[in-house]
Amino acid sequence: MRHWTENAGIRVLIWLLHLIPYRWRVPFGGWLFSRLVAPVAGYRRRIRANLDLVVPDLDKAEKARLVRDVPRNIGRTVTELYSPDDFLAVARRTEISGPGLAALEQAQADGRPAILVSGHFGNYDAVRAGLLHRGHRIGGLYRPMNNRLFNAHYVATISRIGTPLFDRGRRGLGQMMRFLRGGGTLAILIDQRMGNGAPLRFFGHTAWTALSAAELALKYDAALIPCYAIRRPDGMTFDVVLEAPLPHSDAETMTQALNDSLEAQVRAHMDQWFWLHKRWKMPESAHKQAARTKEQTP
């Protein structure tokens, strides 16, 4: 019943938003998330806690702005993703630049796989949408929603931006690996805390980060390319940047380079990263390991 209620409420909200023209719908979605959803859900408190942790010397006025503007970007992003036809029209006009674009084109010409890596920054799906429009073969990896009723609608919506899509389940991961072996390009986000990840650095603090993107690049000899969709000051359009591919070494070194790349982009556009994630929280598995180590220490 809870899932049914959640699904119905979200679907009604999306339907109501679509009564508004896109040029007003996106700003209104940002306002709604910033002013109503974020305070009620406790997101402002979480954003402030993350900022206090990793940038404690940040000016108070700037911190207050970020607590307000980070949810605004998230709301805009969610509204765009649930407006796939209008969003695709924007993506078709999006400029794509950076040395990674030529590297991606060369990899696809050679039949070599590639992995595009980004974070919850700007509107990350503008990268996939823009490249798909230009004829690139891009697959996306996604995490299924806990609400199975809403997940069906979510997958149908993001599929309108482009396919193939692979869920993080066993079947989806198997399909994804076959896609890579066949020379496909995979788009993946790596900036959420992973309990089985490696304790790498992000903003000078330990952030448990999945090594999977780098491990796949090494296994399939894939080009590993950091990429970002940076929201322009108008709030509606983007600059898509594909950075130079990372040299192959080992999974931890390559993943740390991905963290460093994302951090540089976030520092340049602090309001465009989703600061509400529990990025620096130690996973339960690490707590247990630390406790066992302490018990074994004489």
C-alpha atoms as a PDB file:
ATOM      1  CA  MET A   1       0.000   0.000   0.000  1.00  0.00           C
ATOM      2  CA  ARG A   2       2.862   2.394   0.799  1.00  0.00           C
ATOM      3  CA  HIS A   3       4.460   1.716  -2.591  1.00  0.00           C
ATOM      4  CA  TRP A   4       1.125   2.225  -4.334  1.00  0.00           C
ATOM      5  CA  THR A   5       0.589   5.537  -2.513  1.00  0.00           C
ATOM      6  CA  GLU A   6       4.113   6.775  -3.264  1.00  0.00           C
ATOM      7  CA  ASN A   7       3.809   5.800  -6.909  1.00  0.00           C
ATOM      8  CA  ALA A   8       0.423   7.471  -7.280  1.00  0.00           C
ATOM      9  CA  GLY A   9       1.606  10.675  -5.585  1.00  0.00           C
ATOM     10  CA  ILE A  10       4.734  10.993  -7.725  1.00  0.00           C
ATOM     11  CA  ARG A  11       2.861  10.198 -10.933  1.00  0.00           C
ATOM     12  CA  VAL A  12       0.240  12.856 -10.157  1.00  0.00           C
ATOM     13  CA  LEU A  13       2.960  15.434  -9.420  1.00  0.00           C
ATOM     14  CA  ILE A  14       4.700  14.633 -12.718  1.00  0.00           C
ATOM     15  CA  TRP A  15       1.381  14.949 -14.572  1.00  0.00           C
ATOM     16  CA  LEU A  16       0.703  18.326 -12.966  1.00  0.00           C
ATOM     17  CA  LEU A  17       4.191  19.587 -13.839  1.00  0.00           C
ATOM     18  CA  HIS A  18       3.578  18.671 -17.472  1.00  0.00           C
ATOM     19  CA  LEU A  19       0.715  21.134 -17.583  1.00  0.00           C
ATOM     20  CA  ILE A  20       3.390  23.847 -17.453  1.00  0.00           C
ATOM     21  CA  PRO A  21       5.459  24.693 -20.567  1.00  0.00           C
ATOM     22  CA  TYR A  22       8.984  23.247 -20.392  1.00  0.00           C
ATOM     23  CA  ARG A  23      10.719  26.643 -20.186  1.00  0.00           C
ATOM     24  CA  TRP A  24       8.804  27.273 -16.933  1.00  0.00           C
ATOM     25  CA  ARG A  25       8.458  23.656 -15.807  1.00  0.00           C
ATOM     26  CA  VAL A  26      12.194  23.159 -15.189  1.00  0.00           C
ATOM     27  CA  PRO A  27      12.661  26.310 -13.046  1.00  0.00           C
ATOM     28  CA  PHE A  28       9.458  25.547 -11.161  1.00  0.00           C
ATOM     29  CA  GLY A  29      10.624  21.978 -10.481  1.00  0.00           C
ATOM     30  CA  GLY A  30      13.859  23.407  -9.089  1.00  0.00           C
ATOM     31  CA  TRP A  31      11.979  25.879  -6.892  1.00  0.00           C
ATOM     32  CA  LEU A  32       9.617  23.164  -5.657  1.00  0.00           C
ATOM     33  CA  PHE A  33      12.448  20.830  -4.669  1.00  0.00           C
ATOM     34  CA  SER A  34      14.504  23.597  -3.051  1.00  0.00           C
ATOM     35  CA  ARG A  35      11.724  25.315  -1.117  1.00  0.00           C
ATOM     36  CA  LEU A  36       9.401  22.453  -0.214  1.00  0.00           C
ATOM     37  CA  VAL A  37      10.913  18.982  -0.704  1.00  0.00           C
ATOM     38  CA  ALA A  38      14.436  19.634   0.631  1.00  0.00           C
ATOM     39  CA  PRO A  39      13.369  21.196   3.981  1.00  0.00           C
ATOM     40  CA  VAL A  40      10.721  18.529   4.658  1.00  0.00           C
ATOM     41  CA  ALA A  41      12.974  15.604   3.688  1.00  0.00           C
ATOM     42  CA  GLY A  42      15.918  16.911   5.721  1.00  0.00           C
ATOM     43  CA  TYR A  43      18.099  17.396   2.646  1.00  0.00           C
ATOM     44  CA  ARG A  44      19.174  20.898   3.645  1.00  0.00           C
ATOM     45  CA  ARG A  45      20.512  19.588   6.932  1.00  0.00           C
ATOM     46  CA  ARG A  46      22.426  16.812   5.157  1.00  0.00           C
ATOM     47  CA  ILE A  47      23.906  19.206   2.593  1.00  0.00           C
ATOM     48  CA  ARG A  48      25.048  21.555   5.333  1.00  0.00           C
ATOM     49  CA  ALA A  49      26.595  18.665   7.295  1.00  0.00           C
ATOM     50  CA  ASN A  50      28.564  17.533   4.227  1.00  0.00           C
ATOM     51  CA  LEU A  51      29.779  21.083   3.571  1.00  0.00           C
ATOM     52  CA  ASP A  52      30.765  21.517   7.227  1.00  0.00           C
ATOM     53  CA  LEU A  53      32.773  18.306   7.016  1.00  0.00           C
ATOM     54  CA  VAL A  54      34.810  18.854   3.858  1.00  0.00           C
ATOM     55  CA  VAL A  55      34.875  22.636   3.373  1.00  0.00           C
ATOM     56  CA  PRO A  56      34.601  23.927   6.962  1.00  0.00           C
ATOM     57  CA  ASP A  57      36.146  27.310   6.094  1.00  0.00           C
ATOM     58  CA  LEU A  58      33.571  28.086   3.418  1.00  0.00           C
ATOM     59  CA  ASP A  59      32.024  31.535   3.775  1.00  0.00           C
ATOM     60  CA  LYS A  60      28.698  31.414   5.669  1.00  0.00           C
ATOM     61  CA  ALA A  61      26.851  33.307   2.960  1.00  0.00           C
ATOM     62  CA  GLU A  62      28.165  30.937   0.289  1.00  0.00           C
ATOM     63  CA  LYS A  63      27.212  27.942   2.408  1.00  0.00           C
ATOM     64  CA  ALA A  64      23.686  29.290   2.809  1.00  0.00           C
ATOM     65  CA  ARG A  65      23.481  29.787  -0.958  1.00  0.00           C
ATOM     66  CA  LEU A  66      24.554  26.210  -1.606  1.00  0.00           C
ATOM     67  CA  VAL A  67      22.039  24.826   0.878  1.00  0.00           C
ATOM     68  CA  ARG A  68      19.399  26.588  -1.228  1.00  0.00           C
ATOM     69  CA  ASP A  69      20.838  26.132  -4.734  1.00  0.00           C
ATOM     70  CA  VAL A  70      21.993  22.501  -4.610  1.00  0.00           C
ATOM     71  CA  PRO A  71      18.396  21.243  -4.200  1.00  0.00           C
ATOM     72  CA  ARG A  72      17.353  23.654  -6.952  1.00  0.00           C
ATOM     73  CA  ASN A  73      19.722  21.932  -9.390  1.00  0.00           C
ATOM     74  CA  ILE A  74      18.493  18.518  -8.249  1.00  0.00           C
ATOM     75  CA  GLY A  75      14.886  19.570  -8.795  1.00  0.00           C
ATOM     76  CA  ARG A  76      15.703  20.874 -12.253  1.00  0.00           C
ATOM     77  CA  THR A  77      17.490  17.617 -13.094  1.00  0.00           C
ATOM     78  CA  VAL A  78      14.598  15.430 -11.944  1.00  0.00           C
ATOM     79  CA  THR A  79      12.122  17.573 -13.884  1.00  0.00           C
ATOM     80  CA  GLU A  80      14.277  17.304 -17.021  1.00  0.00           C
ATOM     81  CA  LEU A  81      14.601  13.532 -16.748  1.00  0.00           C
ATOM     82  CA  TYR A  82      10.815  13.251 -16.523  1.00  0.00           C
ATOM     83  CA  SER A  83      10.419  15.511 -19.548  1.00  0.00           C
ATOM     84  CA  PRO A  84      12.367  13.282 -21.981  1.00  0.00           C
ATOM     85  CA  ASP A  85      11.053  14.724 -25.256  1.00  0.00           C
ATOM     86  CA  ASP A  86      11.800  18.320 -24.292  1.00  0.00           C
ATOM     87  CA  PHE A  87      15.094  17.335 -22.683  1.00  0.00           C
ATOM     88  CA  LEU A  88      16.183  15.526 -25.836  1.00  0.00           C
ATOM     89  CA  ALA A  89      15.504  18.664 -27.860  1.00  0.00           C
ATOM     90  CA  VAL A  90      17.934  20.520 -25.583  1.00  0.00           C
ATOM     91  CA  ALA A  91      20.498  17.685 -25.781  1.00  0.00           C
ATOM     92  CA  ARG A  92      20.487  17.839 -29.574  1.00  0.00           C
ATOM     93  CA  ARG A  93      21.689  21.442 -29.374  1.00  0.00           C
ATOM     94  CA  THR A  94      24.257  20.778 -26.647  1.00  0.00           C
ATOM     95  CA  GLU A  95      27.890  21.463 -27.473  1.00  0.00           C
ATOM     96  CA  ILE A  96      30.257  18.552 -26.799  1.00  0.00           C
ATOM     97  CA  SER A  97      33.940  19.331 -26.378  1.00  0.00           C
ATOM     98  CA  GLY A  98      37.160  18.076 -24.812  1.00  0.00           C
ATOM     99  CA  PRO A  99      39.919  15.656 -25.843  1.00  0.00           C
ATOM    100  CA  GLY A 100      37.838  12.690 -24.731  1.00  0.00           C
ATOM    101  CA  LEU A 101      35.458  13.173 -27.667  1.00  0.00           C
ATOM    102  CA  ALA A 102      38.133  12.333 -30.243  1.00  0.00           C
ATOM    103  CA  ALA A 103      39.287   9.427 -28.075  1.00  0.00           C
ATOM    104  CA  LEU A 104      35.730   8.079 -27.903  1.00  0.00           C
ATOM    105  CA  GLU A 105      35.282   8.382 -31.653  1.00  0.00           C
ATOM    106  CA  GLN A 106      38.581   6.596 -32.242  1.00  0.00           C
ATOM    107  CA  ALA A 107      37.654   3.802 -29.833  1.00  0.00           C
ATOM    108  CA  GLN A 108      34.331   3.262 -31.569  1.00  0.00           C
ATOM    109  CA  ALA A 109      36.006   3.326 -35.000  1.00  0.00           C
ATOM    110  CA  ASP A 110      38.420   0.625 -33.774  1.00  0.00           C
ATOM    111  CA  GLY A 111      35.629  -1.483 -32.275  1.00  0.00           C
ATOM    112  CA  ARG A 112      37.126  -0.904 -28.827  1.00  0.00           C
ATOM    113  CA  PRO A 113      34.843  -0.431 -25.801  1.00  0.00           C
ATOM    114  CA  ALA A 114      34.787   2.762 -23.773  1.00  0.00           C
ATOM    115  CA  ILE A 115      33.496   3.721 -20.328  1.00  0.00           C
ATOM    116  CA  LEU A 116      32.227   7.244 -19.691  1.00  0.00           C
ATOM    117  CA  VAL A 117      32.393   8.074 -15.976  1.00  0.00           C
ATOM    118  CA  SER A 118      30.635  10.949 -14.252  1.00  0.00           C
ATOM    119  CA  GLY A 119      28.879  11.778 -11.003  1.00  0.00           C
ATOM    120  CA  HIS A 120      25.561  13.208  -9.885  1.00  0.00           C
ATOM    121  CA  PHE A 121      26.573  16.582 -11.230  1.00  0.00           C
ATOM    122  CA  GLY A 122      24.814  19.128 -13.458  1.00  0.00           C
ATOM    123  CA  ASN A 123      22.476  16.872 -15.390  1.00  0.00           C
ATOM    124  CA  TYR A 124      24.627  13.807 -15.997  1.00  0.00           C
ATOM    125  CA  ASP A 125      22.158  12.328 -18.510  1.00  0.00           C
ATOM    126  CA  ALA A 126      22.806  15.185 -20.934  1.00  0.00           C
ATOM    127  CA  VAL A 127      26.089  13.423 -21.769  1.00  0.00           C
ATOM    128  CA  ARG A 128      24.345  10.210 -22.800  1.00  0.00           C
ATOM    129  CA  ALA A 129      21.525  12.025 -24.597  1.00  0.00           C
ATOM    130  CA  GLY A 130      23.869  14.282 -26.543  1.00  0.00           C
ATOM    131  CA  LEU A 131      26.152  11.463 -27.663  1.00  0.00           C
ATOM    132  CA  LEU A 132      23.257   9.189 -28.618  1.00  0.00           C
ATOM    133  CA  HIS A 133      21.880  11.944 -30.830  1.00  0.00           C
ATOM    134  CA  ARG A 134      25.250  12.118 -32.593  1.00  0.00           C
ATOM    135  CA  GLY A 135      25.136   8.427 -33.443  1.00  0.00           C
ATOM    136  CA  HIS A 136      27.246   6.995 -30.629  1.00  0.00           C
ATOM    137  CA  ARG A 137      26.294   3.621 -29.133  1.00  0.00           C
ATOM    138  CA  ILE A 138      25.918   4.388 -25.419  1.00  0.00           C
ATOM    139  CA  GLY A 139      24.553   2.027 -22.777  1.00  0.00           C
ATOM    140  CA  GLY A 140      23.553   3.243 -19.324  1.00  0.00           C
ATOM    141  CA  LEU A 141      23.887   1.523 -15.951  1.00  0.00           C
ATOM    142  CA  TYR A 142      21.176   2.358 -13.413  1.00  0.00           C
ATOM    143  CA  ARG A 143      20.122   1.381  -9.914  1.00  0.00           C
ATOM    144  CA  PRO A 144      16.496   0.162  -9.775  1.00  0.00           C
ATOM    145  CA  MET A 145      14.143   2.091  -7.510  1.00  0.00           C
ATOM    146  CA  ASN A 146      13.085   0.397  -4.274  1.00  0.00           C
ATOM    147  CA  ASN A 147       9.451   1.042  -5.223  1.00  0.00           C
ATOM    148  CA  ARG A 148       8.856  -1.540  -7.947  1.00  0.00           C
ATOM    149  CA  LEU A 149       5.664   0.176  -9.131  1.00  0.00           C
ATOM    150  CA  PHE A 150       7.432   3.467  -9.720  1.00  0.00           C
ATOM    151  CA  ASN A 151      10.551   1.740 -11.058  1.00  0.00           C
ATOM    152  CA  ALA A 152       8.619   0.548 -14.119  1.00  0.00           C
ATOM    153  CA  HIS A 153       7.659   4.141 -14.921  1.00  0.00           C
ATOM    154  CA  TYR A 154      11.194   5.371 -14.188  1.00  0.00           C
ATOM    155  CA  VAL A 155      12.813   2.849 -16.542  1.00  0.00           C
ATOM    156  CA  ALA A 156      10.277   3.566 -19.282  1.00  0.00           C
ATOM    157  CA  THR A 157      11.006   7.290 -18.957  1.00  0.00           C
ATOM    158  CA  ILE A 158      14.808   7.121 -19.056  1.00  0.00           C
ATOM    159  CA  SER A 159      14.573   4.592 -21.899  1.00  0.00           C
ATOM    160  CA  ARG A 160      12.994   7.327 -24.008  1.00  0.00           C
ATOM    161  CA  ILE A 161      16.284   9.231 -23.693  1.00  0.00           C
ATOM    162  CA  GLY A 162      18.113   6.216 -25.089  1.00  0.00           C
ATOM    163  CA  THR A 163      18.876   2.526 -24.778  1.00  0.00           C
ATOM    164  CA  PRO A 164      20.296   0.034 -23.943  1.00  0.00           C
ATOM    165  CA  LEU A 165      19.976   0.316 -20.165  1.00  0.00           C
ATOM    166  CA  PHE A 166      21.335  -2.192 -17.651  1.00  0.00           C
ATOM    167  CA  ASP A 167      20.187  -2.556 -14.058  1.00  0.00           C
ATOM    168  CA  ARG A 168      22.627  -3.425 -11.284  1.00  0.00           C
ATOM    169  CA  GLY A 169      21.160  -6.897 -10.821  1.00  0.00           C
ATOM    170  CA  ARG A 170      22.883 -10.093 -11.948  1.00  0.00           C
ATOM    171  CA  ARG A 171      21.022 -10.249 -15.264  1.00  0.00           C
ATOM    172  CA  GLY A 172      21.671  -6.582 -16.072  1.00  0.00           C
ATOM    173  CA  LEU A 173      25.370  -6.850 -15.259  1.00  0.00           C
ATOM    174  CA  GLY A 174      25.691  -9.885 -17.506  1.00  0.00           C
ATOM    175  CA  GLN A 175      24.073  -7.988 -20.372  1.00  0.00           C
ATOM    176  CA  MET A 176      26.335  -5.021 -19.688  1.00  0.00           C
ATOM    177  CA  MET A 177      29.507  -7.116 -19.917  1.00  0.00           C
ATOM    178  CA  ARG A 178      28.384  -8.644 -23.206  1.00  0.00           C
ATOM    179  CA  PHE A 179      27.717  -5.114 -24.472  1.00  0.00           C
ATOM    180  CA  LEU A 180      31.240  -4.021 -23.524  1.00  0.00           C
ATOM    181  CA  ARG A 181      32.828  -7.105 -25.073  1.00  0.00           C
ATOM    182  CA  GLY A 182      31.042  -6.193 -28.285  1.00  0.00           C
ATOM    183  CA  GLY A 183      32.722  -2.777 -28.393  1.00  0.00           C
ATOM    184  CA  GLY A 184      29.922  -0.760 -26.771  1.00  0.00           C
ATOM    185  CA  THR A 185      30.303   2.375 -24.676  1.00  0.00           C
ATOM    186  CA  LEU A 186      28.978   2.390 -21.121  1.00  0.00           C
ATOM    187  CA  ALA A 187      27.953   5.465 -19.116  1.00  0.00           C
ATOM    188  CA  ILE A 188      28.316   5.058 -15.351  1.00  0.00           C
ATOM    189  CA  LEU A 189      28.229   7.184 -12.164  1.00  0.00           C
ATOM    190  CA  ILE A 190      30.671   6.386  -9.348  1.00  0.00           C
ATOM    191  CA  ASP A 191      30.098   9.070  -6.700  1.00  0.00           C
ATOM    192  CA  GLN A 192      27.881   7.242  -4.222  1.00  0.00           C
ATOM    193  CA  ARG A 193      29.165   5.429  -1.140  1.00  0.00           C
ATOM    194  CA  MET A 194      29.765   1.733  -1.808  1.00  0.00           C
ATOM    195  CA  GLY A 195      30.057  -0.654   1.110  1.00  0.00           C
ATOM    196  CA  ASN A 196      32.391  -2.952  -0.840  1.00  0.00           C
ATOM    197  CA  GLY A 197      34.359  -0.089  -2.382  1.00  0.00           C
ATOM    198  CA  ALA A 198      37.881   1.118  -1.704  1.00  0.00           C
ATOM    199  CA  PRO A 199      38.669   3.827   0.908  1.00  0.00           C
ATOM    200  CA  LEU A 200      39.871   6.505  -1.502  1.00  0.00           C
ATOM    201  CA  ARG A 201      40.030  10.305  -1.111  1.00  0.00           C
ATOM    202  CA  PHE A 202      37.439  12.872  -2.125  1.00  0.00           C
ATOM    203  CA  PHE A 203      37.679  16.477  -0.899  1.00  0.00           C
ATOM    204  CA  GLY A 204      40.482  15.369   1.416  1.00  0.00           C
ATOM    205  CA  HIS A 205      38.393  12.791   3.269  1.00  0.00           C
ATOM    206  CA  THR A 206      37.925   9.046   2.964  1.00  0.00           C
ATOM    207  CA  ALA A 207      35.151   8.199   0.487  1.00  0.00           C
ATOM    208  CA  TRP A 208      34.303   4.534  -0.128  1.00  0.00           C
ATOM    209  CA  THR A 209      34.340   4.303  -3.895  1.00  0.00           C
ATOM    210  CA  ALA A 210      33.437   1.496  -6.300  1.00  0.00           C
ATOM    211  CA  LEU A 211      36.387   0.279  -8.374  1.00  0.00           C
ATOM    212  CA  SER A 212      34.123  -1.324 -10.973  1.00  0.00           C
ATOM    213  CA  ALA A 213      34.564   1.269 -13.739  1.00  0.00           C
ATOM    214  CA  ALA A 214      38.362   0.966 -13.642  1.00  0.00           C
ATOM    215  CA  GLU A 215      38.227  -2.826 -13.261  1.00  0.00           C
ATOM    216  CA  LEU A 216      36.006  -3.112 -16.345  1.00  0.00           C
ATOM    217  CA  ALA A 217      38.304  -0.786 -18.290  1.00  0.00           C
ATOM    218  CA  LEU A 218      41.277  -2.994 -17.443  1.00  0.00           C
ATOM    219  CA  LYS A 219      39.440  -6.249 -18.133  1.00  0.00           C
ATOM    220  CA  TYR A 220      38.081  -5.208 -21.544  1.00  0.00           C
ATOM    221  CA  ASP A 221      40.847  -2.760 -22.550  1.00  0.00           C
ATOM    222  CA  ALA A 222      38.261   0.035 -22.604  1.00  0.00           C
ATOM    223  CA  ALA A 223      39.004   3.747 -22.805  1.00  0.00           C
ATOM    224  CA  LEU A 224      38.135   5.299 -19.417  1.00  0.00           C
ATOM    225  CA  ILE A 225      36.868   8.836 -19.994  1.00  0.00           C
ATOM    226  CA  PRO A 226      35.692  11.282 -17.281  1.00  0.00           C
ATOM    227  CA  CYS A 227      32.733  13.311 -18.576  1.00  0.00           C
ATOM    228  CA  TYR A 228      30.473  16.078 -17.278  1.00  0.00           C
ATOM    229  CA  ALA A 229      27.345  17.980 -18.282  1.00  0.00           C
ATOM    230  CA  ILE A 230      27.798  21.439 -16.780  1.00  0.00           C
ATOM    231  CA  ARG A 231      24.636  23.479 -16.407  1.00  0.00           C
ATOM    232  CA  ARG A 232      24.951  26.920 -17.945  1.00  0.00           C
ATOM    233  CA  PRO A 233      23.920  30.115 -16.085  1.00  0.00           C
ATOM    234  CA  ASP A 234      20.547  30.106 -17.902  1.00  0.00           C
ATOM    235  CA  GLY A 235      19.692  26.957 -15.915  1.00  0.00           C
ATOM    236  CA  MET A 236      18.298  25.200 -18.995  1.00  0.00           C
ATOM    237  CA  THR A 237      21.219  24.306 -21.265  1.00  0.00           C
ATOM    238  CA  PHE A 238      24.555  22.540 -20.830  1.00  0.00           C
ATOM    239  CA  ASP A 239      28.162  22.286 -21.868  1.00  0.00           C
ATOM    240  CA  VAL A 240      29.200  18.638 -22.179  1.00  0.00           C
ATOM    241  CA  VAL A 241      32.919  18.051 -21.580  1.00  0.00           C
ATOM    242  CA  LEU A 242      34.743  14.776 -22.212  1.00  0.00           C
ATOM    243  CA  GLU A 243      38.142  14.873 -20.552  1.00  0.00           C
ATOM    244  CA  ALA A 244      41.208  13.002 -21.755  1.00  0.00           C
ATOM    245  CA  PRO A 245      41.096   9.228 -21.178  1.00  0.00           C
ATOM    246  CA  LEU A 246      42.882   8.049 -18.055  1.00  0.00           C
ATOM    247  CA  PRO A 247      46.002   5.915 -18.564  1.00  0.00           C
ATOM    248  CA  HIS A 248      45.610   2.279 -17.538  1.00  0.00           C
ATOM    249  CA  SER A 249      47.513   1.332 -14.393  1.00  0.00           C
ATOM    250  CA  ASP A 250      45.684  -0.335 -11.493  1.00  0.00           C
ATOM    251  CA  ALA A 251      42.047  -0.035 -10.402  1.00  0.00           C
ATOM    252  CA  GLU A 252      42.667   2.034  -7.262  1.00  0.00           C
ATOM    253  CA  THR A 253      44.978   4.533  -8.977  1.00  0.00           C
ATOM    254  CA  MET A 254      42.563   4.972 -11.871  1.00  0.00           C
ATOM    255  CA  THR A 255      39.543   5.361  -9.582  1.00  0.00           C
ATOM    256  CA  GLN A 256      41.365   7.926  -7.444  1.00  0.00           C
ATOM    257  CA  ALA A 257      42.027   9.870 -10.653  1.00  0.00           C
ATOM    258  CA  LEU A 258      38.282   9.740 -11.372  1.00  0.00           C
ATOM    259  CA  ASN A 259      37.571  11.103  -7.875  1.00  0.00           C
ATOM    260  CA  ASP A 260      40.130  13.877  -8.407  1.00  0.00           C
ATOM    261  CA  SER A 261      38.584  14.777 -11.757  1.00  0.00           C
ATOM    262  CA  LEU A 262      35.094  15.005 -10.269  1.00  0.00           C
ATOM    263  CA  GLU A 263      36.344  17.021  -7.302  1.00  0.00           C
ATOM    264  CA  ALA A 264      37.895  19.590  -9.634  1.00  0.00           C
ATOM    265  CA  GLN A 265      34.584  20.003 -11.466  1.00  0.00           C
ATOM    266  CA  VAL A 266      32.625  20.240  -8.218  1.00  0.00           C
ATOM    267  CA  ARG A 267      34.972  22.880  -6.812  1.00  0.00           C
ATOM    268  CA  ALA A 268      34.445  24.923  -9.981  1.00  0.00           C
ATOM    269  CA  HIS A 269      30.627  24.508  -9.801  1.00  0.00           C
ATOM    270  CA  MET A 270      29.803  23.823  -6.158  1.00  0.00           C
ATOM    271  CA  ASP A 271      26.030  24.124  -6.586  1.00  0.00           C
ATOM    272  CA  GLN A 272      25.847  21.476  -9.319  1.00  0.00           C
ATOM    273  CA  TRP A 273      26.859  18.374  -7.344  1.00  0.00           C
ATOM    274  CA  PHE A 274      24.261  16.418  -5.342  1.00  0.00           C
ATOM    275  CA  TRP A 275      25.673  17.198  -1.889  1.00  0.00           C
ATOM    276  CA  LEU A 276      22.895  15.288  -0.136  1.00  0.00           C
ATOM    277  CA  HIS A 277      24.543  11.871  -0.618  1.00  0.00           C
ATOM    278  CA  LYS A 278      26.123  10.208   2.422  1.00  0.00           C
ATOM    279  CA  ARG A 279      29.413  10.216   0.541  1.00  0.00           C
ATOM    280  CA  TRP A 280      31.808  10.135   3.482  1.00  0.00           C
ATOM    281  CA  LYS A 281      29.919   7.845   5.852  1.00  0.00           C
ATOM    282  CA  MET A 282      31.832   4.689   6.752  1.00  0.00           C
ATOM    283  CA  PRO A 283      29.929   1.597   5.558  1.00  0.00           C
ATOM    284  CA  GLU A 284      28.809  -0.981   8.098  1.00  0.00           C
ATOM    285  CA  SER A 285      31.263  -3.549   6.714  1.00  0.00           C
ATOM    286  CA  ALA A 286      34.158  -1.181   7.442  1.00  0.00           C
ATOM    287  CA  HIS A 287      32.883  -0.576  10.982  1.00  0.00           C
ATOM    288  CA  LYS A 288      32.818  -4.344  11.589  1.00  0.00           C
ATOM    289  CA  GLN A 289      36.311  -4.788  10.156  1.00  0.00           C
ATOM    290  CA  ALA A 290      37.647  -1.982  12.334  1.00  0.00           C
ATOM    291  CA  ALA A 291      36.044  -3.583  15.398  1.00  0.00           C
ATOM    292  CA  ARG A 292      37.590  -6.998  14.581  1.00  0.00           C
ATOM    293  CA  THR A 293      41.011  -5.382  14.070  1.00  0.00           C
ATOM    294  CA  LYS A 294      40.715  -3.609  17.416  1.00  0.00           C
ATOM    295  CA  GLU A 295      39.786  -6.848  19.180  1.00  0.00           C
ATOM    296  CA  GLN A 296      42.782  -8.661  17.654  1.00  0.00           C
ATOM    297  CA  THR A 297      45.233  -5.889  18.577  1.00  0.00           C
ATOM    298  CA  PRO A 298      47.156  -6.821  21.790  1.00  0.00           C
END
